[in-house]
Amino acid sequence: MAAVVGVGLALAVALFARIVGLDRDRAFYPVVLVVIGSYYDLFAILGGGAGLVVETIWFVVFAAAAAIGFRTSLWIVVAALAAHGVFDFFHHALVENPGVPAWWPNWCLAYDVAAAMCQAAVLLKGGVSARATPRV
């Protein structure tokens, strides 16, 4: 059930972003990736701080992917969103974090992969350029 809700919410957010025009900005999906990457830190704090250092290292990895993707190619962000879904699947084996709800890994896996697919669709339709324009 968590996976169904994750996919549904990712599609709802993507549809909302499309209707409002948020996904026409190159920053939209990189910001989504940064927010997604921060939740495990929140759960670590809720769990009494256990795993916070390791979770923060992973957060920095995904935030860096968001920044690099934003500055170069949004396909990096697509890959990083999907990679975060894979991370969700293996999270329990990588980090001890008692604050993570039992349903979260399946929900987040589904959300991340669906969000990556939505961003890929936007890029393939030409709704936004995958490549950053050089700054002058």
N, C-alpha and C. Protein backbone atom coordinates (compact mmCIF):
# COMPACT_ATOMS: atom_id res chain seq x y z
N MET A 1 0.81 -1.20 0.00
CA MET A 1 0.00 0.00 0.00
C MET A 1 0.86 1.27 0.00
N ALA A 2 1.97 1.23 0.76
CA ALA A 2 2.84 2.40 0.83
C ALA A 2 3.39 2.74 -0.55
N ALA A 3 3.74 1.74 -1.34
CA ALA A 3 4.27 1.98 -2.67
C ALA A 3 3.23 2.61 -3.59
N VAL A 4 1.99 2.16 -3.49
CA VAL A 4 0.91 2.72 -4.31
C VAL A 4 0.71 4.20 -3.97
N VAL A 5 0.71 4.49 -2.69
CA VAL A 5 0.56 5.88 -2.25
C VAL A 5 1.76 6.72 -2.70
N GLY A 6 2.97 6.14 -2.63
CA GLY A 6 4.17 6.86 -3.07
C GLY A 6 4.10 7.23 -4.54
N VAL A 7 3.73 6.27 -5.37
CA VAL A 7 3.59 6.55 -6.81
C VAL A 7 2.49 7.59 -7.05
N GLY A 8 1.36 7.40 -6.38
CA GLY A 8 0.24 8.33 -6.56
C GLY A 8 0.60 9.75 -6.17
N LEU A 9 1.33 9.89 -5.06
CA LEU A 9 1.70 11.24 -4.63
C LEU A 9 2.73 11.86 -5.57
N ALA A 10 3.68 11.05 -6.05
CA ALA A 10 4.66 11.58 -7.00
C ALA A 10 3.97 12.05 -8.27
N LEU A 11 3.00 11.28 -8.75
CA LEU A 11 2.26 11.69 -9.95
C LEU A 11 1.43 12.94 -9.69
N ALA A 12 0.83 13.03 -8.50
CA ALA A 12 0.04 14.21 -8.15
C ALA A 12 0.91 15.46 -8.07
N VAL A 13 2.11 15.32 -7.47
CA VAL A 13 3.03 16.46 -7.39
C VAL A 13 3.48 16.87 -8.80
N ALA A 14 3.79 15.88 -9.63
CA ALA A 14 4.22 16.18 -11.00
C ALA A 14 3.10 16.87 -11.79
N LEU A 15 1.87 16.39 -11.62
CA LEU A 15 0.74 17.00 -12.32
C LEU A 15 0.52 18.44 -11.83
N PHE A 16 0.58 18.62 -10.51
CA PHE A 16 0.45 19.97 -9.95
C PHE A 16 1.55 20.89 -10.50
N ALA A 17 2.80 20.38 -10.52
CA ALA A 17 3.91 21.17 -11.03
C ALA A 17 3.72 21.52 -12.51
N ARG A 18 3.16 20.59 -13.27
CA ARG A 18 2.90 20.83 -14.69
C ARG A 18 1.83 21.89 -14.87
N ILE A 19 0.72 21.77 -14.13
CA ILE A 19 -0.40 22.72 -14.26
C ILE A 19 0.02 24.13 -13.86
N VAL A 20 0.73 24.23 -12.76
CA VAL A 20 1.15 25.53 -12.24
C VAL A 20 2.33 26.09 -13.02
N GLY A 21 3.14 25.22 -13.60
CA GLY A 21 4.31 25.65 -14.35
C GLY A 21 5.61 25.54 -13.58
N LEU A 22 5.57 24.94 -12.41
CA LEU A 22 6.79 24.82 -11.61
C LEU A 22 7.85 23.97 -12.30
N ASP A 23 7.43 22.95 -13.04
CA ASP A 23 8.41 22.05 -13.65
C ASP A 23 9.04 22.64 -14.91
N ARG A 24 8.66 23.86 -15.27
CA ARG A 24 9.32 24.54 -16.39
C ARG A 24 10.60 25.21 -15.94
N ASP A 25 10.81 25.23 -14.64
CA ASP A 25 12.04 25.78 -14.09
C ASP A 25 13.01 24.64 -13.84
N ARG A 26 14.24 24.81 -14.25
CA ARG A 26 15.26 23.77 -14.08
C ARG A 26 15.48 23.39 -12.62
N ALA A 27 15.13 24.26 -11.71
CA ALA A 27 15.42 24.02 -10.29
C ALA A 27 14.41 23.10 -9.62
N PHE A 28 13.25 22.87 -10.23
CA PHE A 28 12.18 22.15 -9.54
C PHE A 28 12.62 20.76 -9.06
N TYR A 29 13.03 19.89 -9.96
CA TYR A 29 13.37 18.53 -9.56
C TYR A 29 14.67 18.45 -8.74
N PRO A 30 15.67 19.29 -8.99
CA PRO A 30 16.80 19.30 -8.05
C PRO A 30 16.39 19.65 -6.62
N VAL A 31 15.47 20.58 -6.46
CA VAL A 31 14.99 20.90 -5.11
C VAL A 31 14.22 19.72 -4.52
N VAL A 32 13.42 19.05 -5.34
CA VAL A 32 12.72 17.84 -4.87
C VAL A 32 13.75 16.83 -4.36
N LEU A 33 14.83 16.64 -5.08
CA LEU A 33 15.88 15.69 -4.67
C LEU A 33 16.51 16.10 -3.34
N VAL A 34 16.78 17.38 -3.17
CA VAL A 34 17.37 17.86 -1.91
C VAL A 34 16.42 17.59 -0.74
N VAL A 35 15.14 17.88 -0.93
CA VAL A 35 14.16 17.66 0.13
C VAL A 35 14.06 16.16 0.44
N ILE A 36 13.96 15.34 -0.59
CA ILE A 36 13.88 13.89 -0.39
C ILE A 36 15.10 13.40 0.39
N GLY A 37 16.26 13.90 0.02
CA GLY A 37 17.49 13.49 0.68
C GLY A 37 17.57 13.89 2.14
N SER A 38 16.81 14.88 2.54
CA SER A 38 16.89 15.37 3.93
C SER A 38 16.02 14.60 4.91
N TYR A 39 15.07 13.84 4.42
CA TYR A 39 14.12 13.18 5.33
C TYR A 39 14.77 12.17 6.28
N TYR A 40 15.78 11.45 5.81
CA TYR A 40 16.42 10.49 6.71
C TYR A 40 17.12 11.20 7.86
N ASP A 41 17.62 12.42 7.64
CA ASP A 41 18.18 13.21 8.75
C ASP A 41 17.09 13.54 9.76
N LEU A 42 15.94 13.92 9.27
CA LEU A 42 14.81 14.20 10.16
C LEU A 42 14.46 12.96 10.98
N PHE A 43 14.40 11.81 10.32
CA PHE A 43 14.08 10.58 11.04
C PHE A 43 15.16 10.24 12.07
N ALA A 44 16.41 10.52 11.75
CA ALA A 44 17.49 10.27 12.70
C ALA A 44 17.32 11.13 13.95
N ILE A 45 16.92 12.37 13.76
CA ILE A 45 16.67 13.25 14.91
C ILE A 45 15.48 12.73 15.71
N LEU A 46 14.43 12.32 15.02
CA LEU A 46 13.26 11.76 15.72
C LEU A 46 13.62 10.48 16.47
N GLY A 47 14.61 9.75 15.97
CA GLY A 47 15.05 8.52 16.61
C GLY A 47 16.10 8.74 17.68
N GLY A 48 16.27 9.97 18.11
CA GLY A 48 17.22 10.25 19.19
C GLY A 48 18.63 10.55 18.73
N GLY A 49 18.83 10.76 17.44
CA GLY A 49 20.14 11.12 16.93
C GLY A 49 20.94 9.96 16.39
N ALA A 50 20.43 8.74 16.57
CA ALA A 50 21.15 7.57 16.07
C ALA A 50 21.24 7.64 14.55
N GLY A 51 22.44 7.48 14.03
CA GLY A 51 22.63 7.46 12.59
C GLY A 51 22.70 8.82 11.93
N LEU A 52 22.63 9.90 12.70
CA LEU A 52 22.57 11.24 12.10
C LEU A 52 23.80 11.56 11.27
N VAL A 53 24.98 11.19 11.74
CA VAL A 53 26.21 11.50 10.99
C VAL A 53 26.20 10.76 9.65
N VAL A 54 25.88 9.47 9.68
CA VAL A 54 25.86 8.69 8.43
C VAL A 54 24.77 9.20 7.50
N GLU A 55 23.60 9.51 8.06
CA GLU A 55 22.49 10.05 7.23
C GLU A 55 22.89 11.38 6.60
N THR A 56 23.61 12.20 7.33
CA THR A 56 24.04 13.50 6.81
C THR A 56 25.03 13.32 5.67
N ILE A 57 25.90 12.33 5.79
CA ILE A 57 26.83 12.05 4.68
C ILE A 57 26.05 11.68 3.43
N TRP A 58 25.05 10.80 3.57
CA TRP A 58 24.22 10.43 2.42
C TRP A 58 23.45 11.63 1.90
N PHE A 59 22.95 12.48 2.79
CA PHE A 59 22.26 13.69 2.36
C PHE A 59 23.18 14.56 1.50
N VAL A 60 24.41 14.73 1.93
CA VAL A 60 25.37 15.54 1.17
C VAL A 60 25.60 14.94 -0.22
N VAL A 61 25.66 13.61 -0.30
CA VAL A 61 25.85 12.95 -1.60
C VAL A 61 24.70 13.31 -2.55
N PHE A 62 23.46 13.19 -2.06
CA PHE A 62 22.31 13.46 -2.93
C PHE A 62 22.14 14.96 -3.19
N ALA A 63 22.45 15.80 -2.22
CA ALA A 63 22.39 17.25 -2.44
C ALA A 63 23.45 17.67 -3.46
N ALA A 64 24.61 17.05 -3.39
CA ALA A 64 25.66 17.35 -4.37
C ALA A 64 25.22 16.92 -5.77
N ALA A 65 24.57 15.76 -5.87
CA ALA A 65 24.06 15.31 -7.17
C ALA A 65 23.03 16.30 -7.71
N ALA A 66 22.19 16.82 -6.82
CA ALA A 66 21.20 17.82 -7.24
C ALA A 66 21.89 19.07 -7.76
N ALA A 67 22.91 19.53 -7.05
CA ALA A 67 23.62 20.75 -7.46
C ALA A 67 24.38 20.54 -8.76
N ILE A 68 25.07 19.42 -8.87
CA ILE A 68 25.83 19.13 -10.09
C ILE A 68 24.88 18.96 -11.27
N GLY A 69 23.78 18.25 -11.05
CA GLY A 69 22.80 18.08 -12.12
C GLY A 69 22.18 19.39 -12.55
N PHE A 70 21.88 20.24 -11.60
CA PHE A 70 21.31 21.56 -11.92
C PHE A 70 22.29 22.38 -12.74
N ARG A 71 23.57 22.32 -12.37
CA ARG A 71 24.59 23.13 -13.04
C ARG A 71 25.05 22.56 -14.38
N THR A 72 24.79 21.26 -14.62
CA THR A 72 25.29 20.64 -15.86
C THR A 72 24.15 20.03 -16.68
N SER A 73 23.60 18.92 -16.20
CA SER A 73 22.54 18.22 -16.93
C SER A 73 21.52 17.64 -15.96
N LEU A 74 20.26 17.93 -16.22
CA LEU A 74 19.19 17.42 -15.36
C LEU A 74 19.06 15.90 -15.43
N TRP A 75 19.70 15.27 -16.40
CA TRP A 75 19.69 13.80 -16.44
C TRP A 75 20.42 13.23 -15.23
N ILE A 76 21.36 13.98 -14.68
CA ILE A 76 22.03 13.56 -13.44
C ILE A 76 21.01 13.53 -12.31
N VAL A 77 20.11 14.49 -12.28
CA VAL A 77 19.07 14.53 -11.24
C VAL A 77 18.11 13.36 -11.42
N VAL A 78 17.75 13.05 -12.66
CA VAL A 78 16.90 11.87 -12.92
C VAL A 78 17.58 10.62 -12.35
N ALA A 79 18.85 10.45 -12.67
CA ALA A 79 19.59 9.28 -12.19
C ALA A 79 19.69 9.28 -10.67
N ALA A 80 19.91 10.45 -10.08
CA ALA A 80 20.04 10.53 -8.62
C ALA A 80 18.72 10.25 -7.91
N LEU A 81 17.61 10.70 -8.49
CA LEU A 81 16.30 10.37 -7.91
C LEU A 81 16.08 8.86 -7.93
N ALA A 82 16.37 8.24 -9.06
CA ALA A 82 16.23 6.78 -9.15
C ALA A 82 17.20 6.09 -8.21
N ALA A 83 18.42 6.61 -8.11
CA ALA A 83 19.41 6.03 -7.20
C ALA A 83 18.96 6.15 -5.74
N HIS A 84 18.28 7.24 -5.41
CA HIS A 84 17.77 7.38 -4.05
C HIS A 84 16.71 6.31 -3.79
N GLY A 85 15.95 5.96 -4.80
CA GLY A 85 14.99 4.87 -4.65
C GLY A 85 15.70 3.56 -4.33
N VAL A 86 16.80 3.29 -5.02
CA VAL A 86 17.60 2.09 -4.74
C VAL A 86 18.17 2.18 -3.32
N PHE A 87 18.63 3.37 -2.95
CA PHE A 87 19.13 3.60 -1.59
C PHE A 87 18.06 3.27 -0.56
N ASP A 88 16.81 3.69 -0.83
CA ASP A 88 15.70 3.37 0.09
C ASP A 88 15.57 1.87 0.29
N PHE A 89 15.72 1.12 -0.79
CA PHE A 89 15.57 -0.34 -0.73
C PHE A 89 16.62 -0.97 0.18
N PHE A 90 17.85 -0.43 0.14
CA PHE A 90 18.96 -0.99 0.91
C PHE A 90 19.24 -0.22 2.20
N HIS A 91 18.50 0.85 2.46
CA HIS A 91 18.79 1.73 3.59
C HIS A 91 18.96 0.99 4.91
N HIS A 92 18.06 0.09 5.20
CA HIS A 92 18.10 -0.63 6.49
C HIS A 92 19.40 -1.41 6.68
N ALA A 93 20.03 -1.82 5.59
CA ALA A 93 21.28 -2.57 5.67
C ALA A 93 22.49 -1.64 5.76
N LEU A 94 22.31 -0.37 5.42
CA LEU A 94 23.42 0.58 5.39
C LEU A 94 23.49 1.46 6.63
N VAL A 95 22.33 1.80 7.20
CA VAL A 95 22.29 2.76 8.30
C VAL A 95 21.31 2.28 9.36
N GLU A 96 21.73 2.33 10.60
CA GLU A 96 20.80 2.04 11.69
C GLU A 96 20.15 3.35 12.10
N ASN A 97 18.85 3.45 11.85
CA ASN A 97 18.11 4.68 12.12
C ASN A 97 16.73 4.29 12.66
N PRO A 98 16.58 4.24 13.98
CA PRO A 98 15.31 3.80 14.55
C PRO A 98 14.15 4.76 14.33
N GLY A 99 14.42 5.95 13.84
CA GLY A 99 13.35 6.92 13.61
C GLY A 99 12.61 6.72 12.30
N VAL A 100 13.12 5.85 11.42
CA VAL A 100 12.49 5.63 10.11
C VAL A 100 11.23 4.79 10.31
N PRO A 101 10.07 5.32 9.88
CA PRO A 101 8.84 4.51 9.98
C PRO A 101 8.98 3.25 9.12
N ALA A 102 8.34 2.18 9.54
CA ALA A 102 8.44 0.90 8.84
C ALA A 102 8.00 1.00 7.38
N TRP A 103 7.01 1.85 7.10
CA TRP A 103 6.47 1.95 5.74
C TRP A 103 7.30 2.87 4.85
N TRP A 104 8.19 3.66 5.41
CA TRP A 104 8.90 4.69 4.67
C TRP A 104 9.73 4.17 3.50
N PRO A 105 10.59 3.17 3.68
CA PRO A 105 11.43 2.74 2.55
C PRO A 105 10.62 2.38 1.30
N ASN A 106 9.53 1.64 1.44
CA ASN A 106 8.70 1.29 0.28
C ASN A 106 8.04 2.52 -0.32
N TRP A 107 7.55 3.42 0.53
CA TRP A 107 6.91 4.64 0.05
C TRP A 107 7.91 5.49 -0.72
N CYS A 108 9.07 5.70 -0.11
CA CYS A 108 10.06 6.58 -0.72
C CYS A 108 10.65 5.98 -1.99
N LEU A 109 10.87 4.67 -1.99
CA LEU A 109 11.33 3.99 -3.20
C LEU A 109 10.37 4.26 -4.36
N ALA A 110 9.10 4.05 -4.10
CA ALA A 110 8.08 4.26 -5.14
C ALA A 110 8.03 5.72 -5.57
N TYR A 111 8.06 6.63 -4.59
CA TYR A 111 8.00 8.06 -4.90
C TYR A 111 9.20 8.47 -5.75
N ASP A 112 10.38 8.07 -5.32
CA ASP A 112 11.61 8.48 -6.00
C ASP A 112 11.65 8.01 -7.45
N VAL A 113 11.32 6.75 -7.67
CA VAL A 113 11.36 6.21 -9.03
C VAL A 113 10.28 6.88 -9.90
N ALA A 114 9.09 7.08 -9.35
CA ALA A 114 8.03 7.76 -10.11
C ALA A 114 8.42 9.20 -10.41
N ALA A 115 9.02 9.89 -9.44
CA ALA A 115 9.45 11.28 -9.67
C ALA A 115 10.54 11.33 -10.74
N ALA A 116 11.46 10.37 -10.71
CA ALA A 116 12.51 10.31 -11.74
C ALA A 116 11.89 10.13 -13.12
N MET A 117 10.89 9.26 -13.21
CA MET A 117 10.21 9.04 -14.49
C MET A 117 9.47 10.29 -14.95
N CYS A 118 8.86 11.00 -14.01
CA CYS A 118 8.16 12.24 -14.36
C CYS A 118 9.13 13.29 -14.88
N GLN A 119 10.28 13.42 -14.20
CA GLN A 119 11.26 14.39 -14.68
C GLN A 119 11.80 13.98 -16.04
N ALA A 120 12.04 12.69 -16.23
CA ALA A 120 12.52 12.22 -17.54
C ALA A 120 11.50 12.55 -18.63
N ALA A 121 10.21 12.40 -18.32
CA ALA A 121 9.18 12.72 -19.30
C ALA A 121 9.20 14.21 -19.66
N VAL A 122 9.39 15.06 -18.66
CA VAL A 122 9.47 16.51 -18.91
C VAL A 122 10.67 16.81 -19.82
N LEU A 123 11.80 16.18 -19.53
CA LEU A 123 13.00 16.42 -20.34
C LEU A 123 12.82 15.90 -21.77
N LEU A 124 12.23 14.71 -21.92
CA LEU A 124 12.05 14.13 -23.25
C LEU A 124 11.06 14.93 -24.08
N LYS A 125 10.05 15.52 -23.42
CA LYS A 125 9.07 16.35 -24.15
C LYS A 125 9.63 17.73 -24.48
N GLY A 126 10.78 18.07 -23.93
CA GLY A 126 11.38 19.37 -24.20
C GLY A 126 10.77 20.49 -23.37
N GLY A 127 10.10 20.13 -22.28
CA GLY A 127 9.49 21.13 -21.41
C GLY A 127 10.50 22.02 -20.72
N VAL A 128 11.70 21.49 -20.56
CA VAL A 128 12.81 22.25 -19.98
C VAL A 128 14.09 21.65 -20.55
N SER A 129 15.09 22.46 -20.70
CA SER A 129 16.35 21.98 -21.24
C SER A 129 17.10 21.17 -20.19
N ALA A 130 17.62 20.04 -20.61
CA ALA A 130 18.41 19.20 -19.69
C ALA A 130 19.74 19.88 -19.38
N ARG A 131 20.28 20.60 -20.34
CA ARG A 131 21.58 21.25 -20.18
C ARG A 131 21.44 22.65 -19.62
N ALA A 132 22.34 22.97 -18.73
CA ALA A 132 22.36 24.33 -18.16
C ALA A 132 22.96 25.28 -19.19
N THR A 133 22.48 26.49 -19.17
CA THR A 133 23.07 27.51 -20.03
C THR A 133 24.28 28.09 -19.31
N PRO A 134 25.36 28.31 -20.04
CA PRO A 134 26.57 28.84 -19.40
C PRO A 134 26.32 30.22 -18.80
N ARG A 135 26.89 30.44 -17.63
CA ARG A 135 26.77 31.76 -16.99
C ARG A 135 27.84 32.68 -17.55
N VAL A 136 27.49 33.92 -17.72
CA VAL A 136 28.43 34.89 -18.26
C VAL A 136 28.88 35.84 -17.20
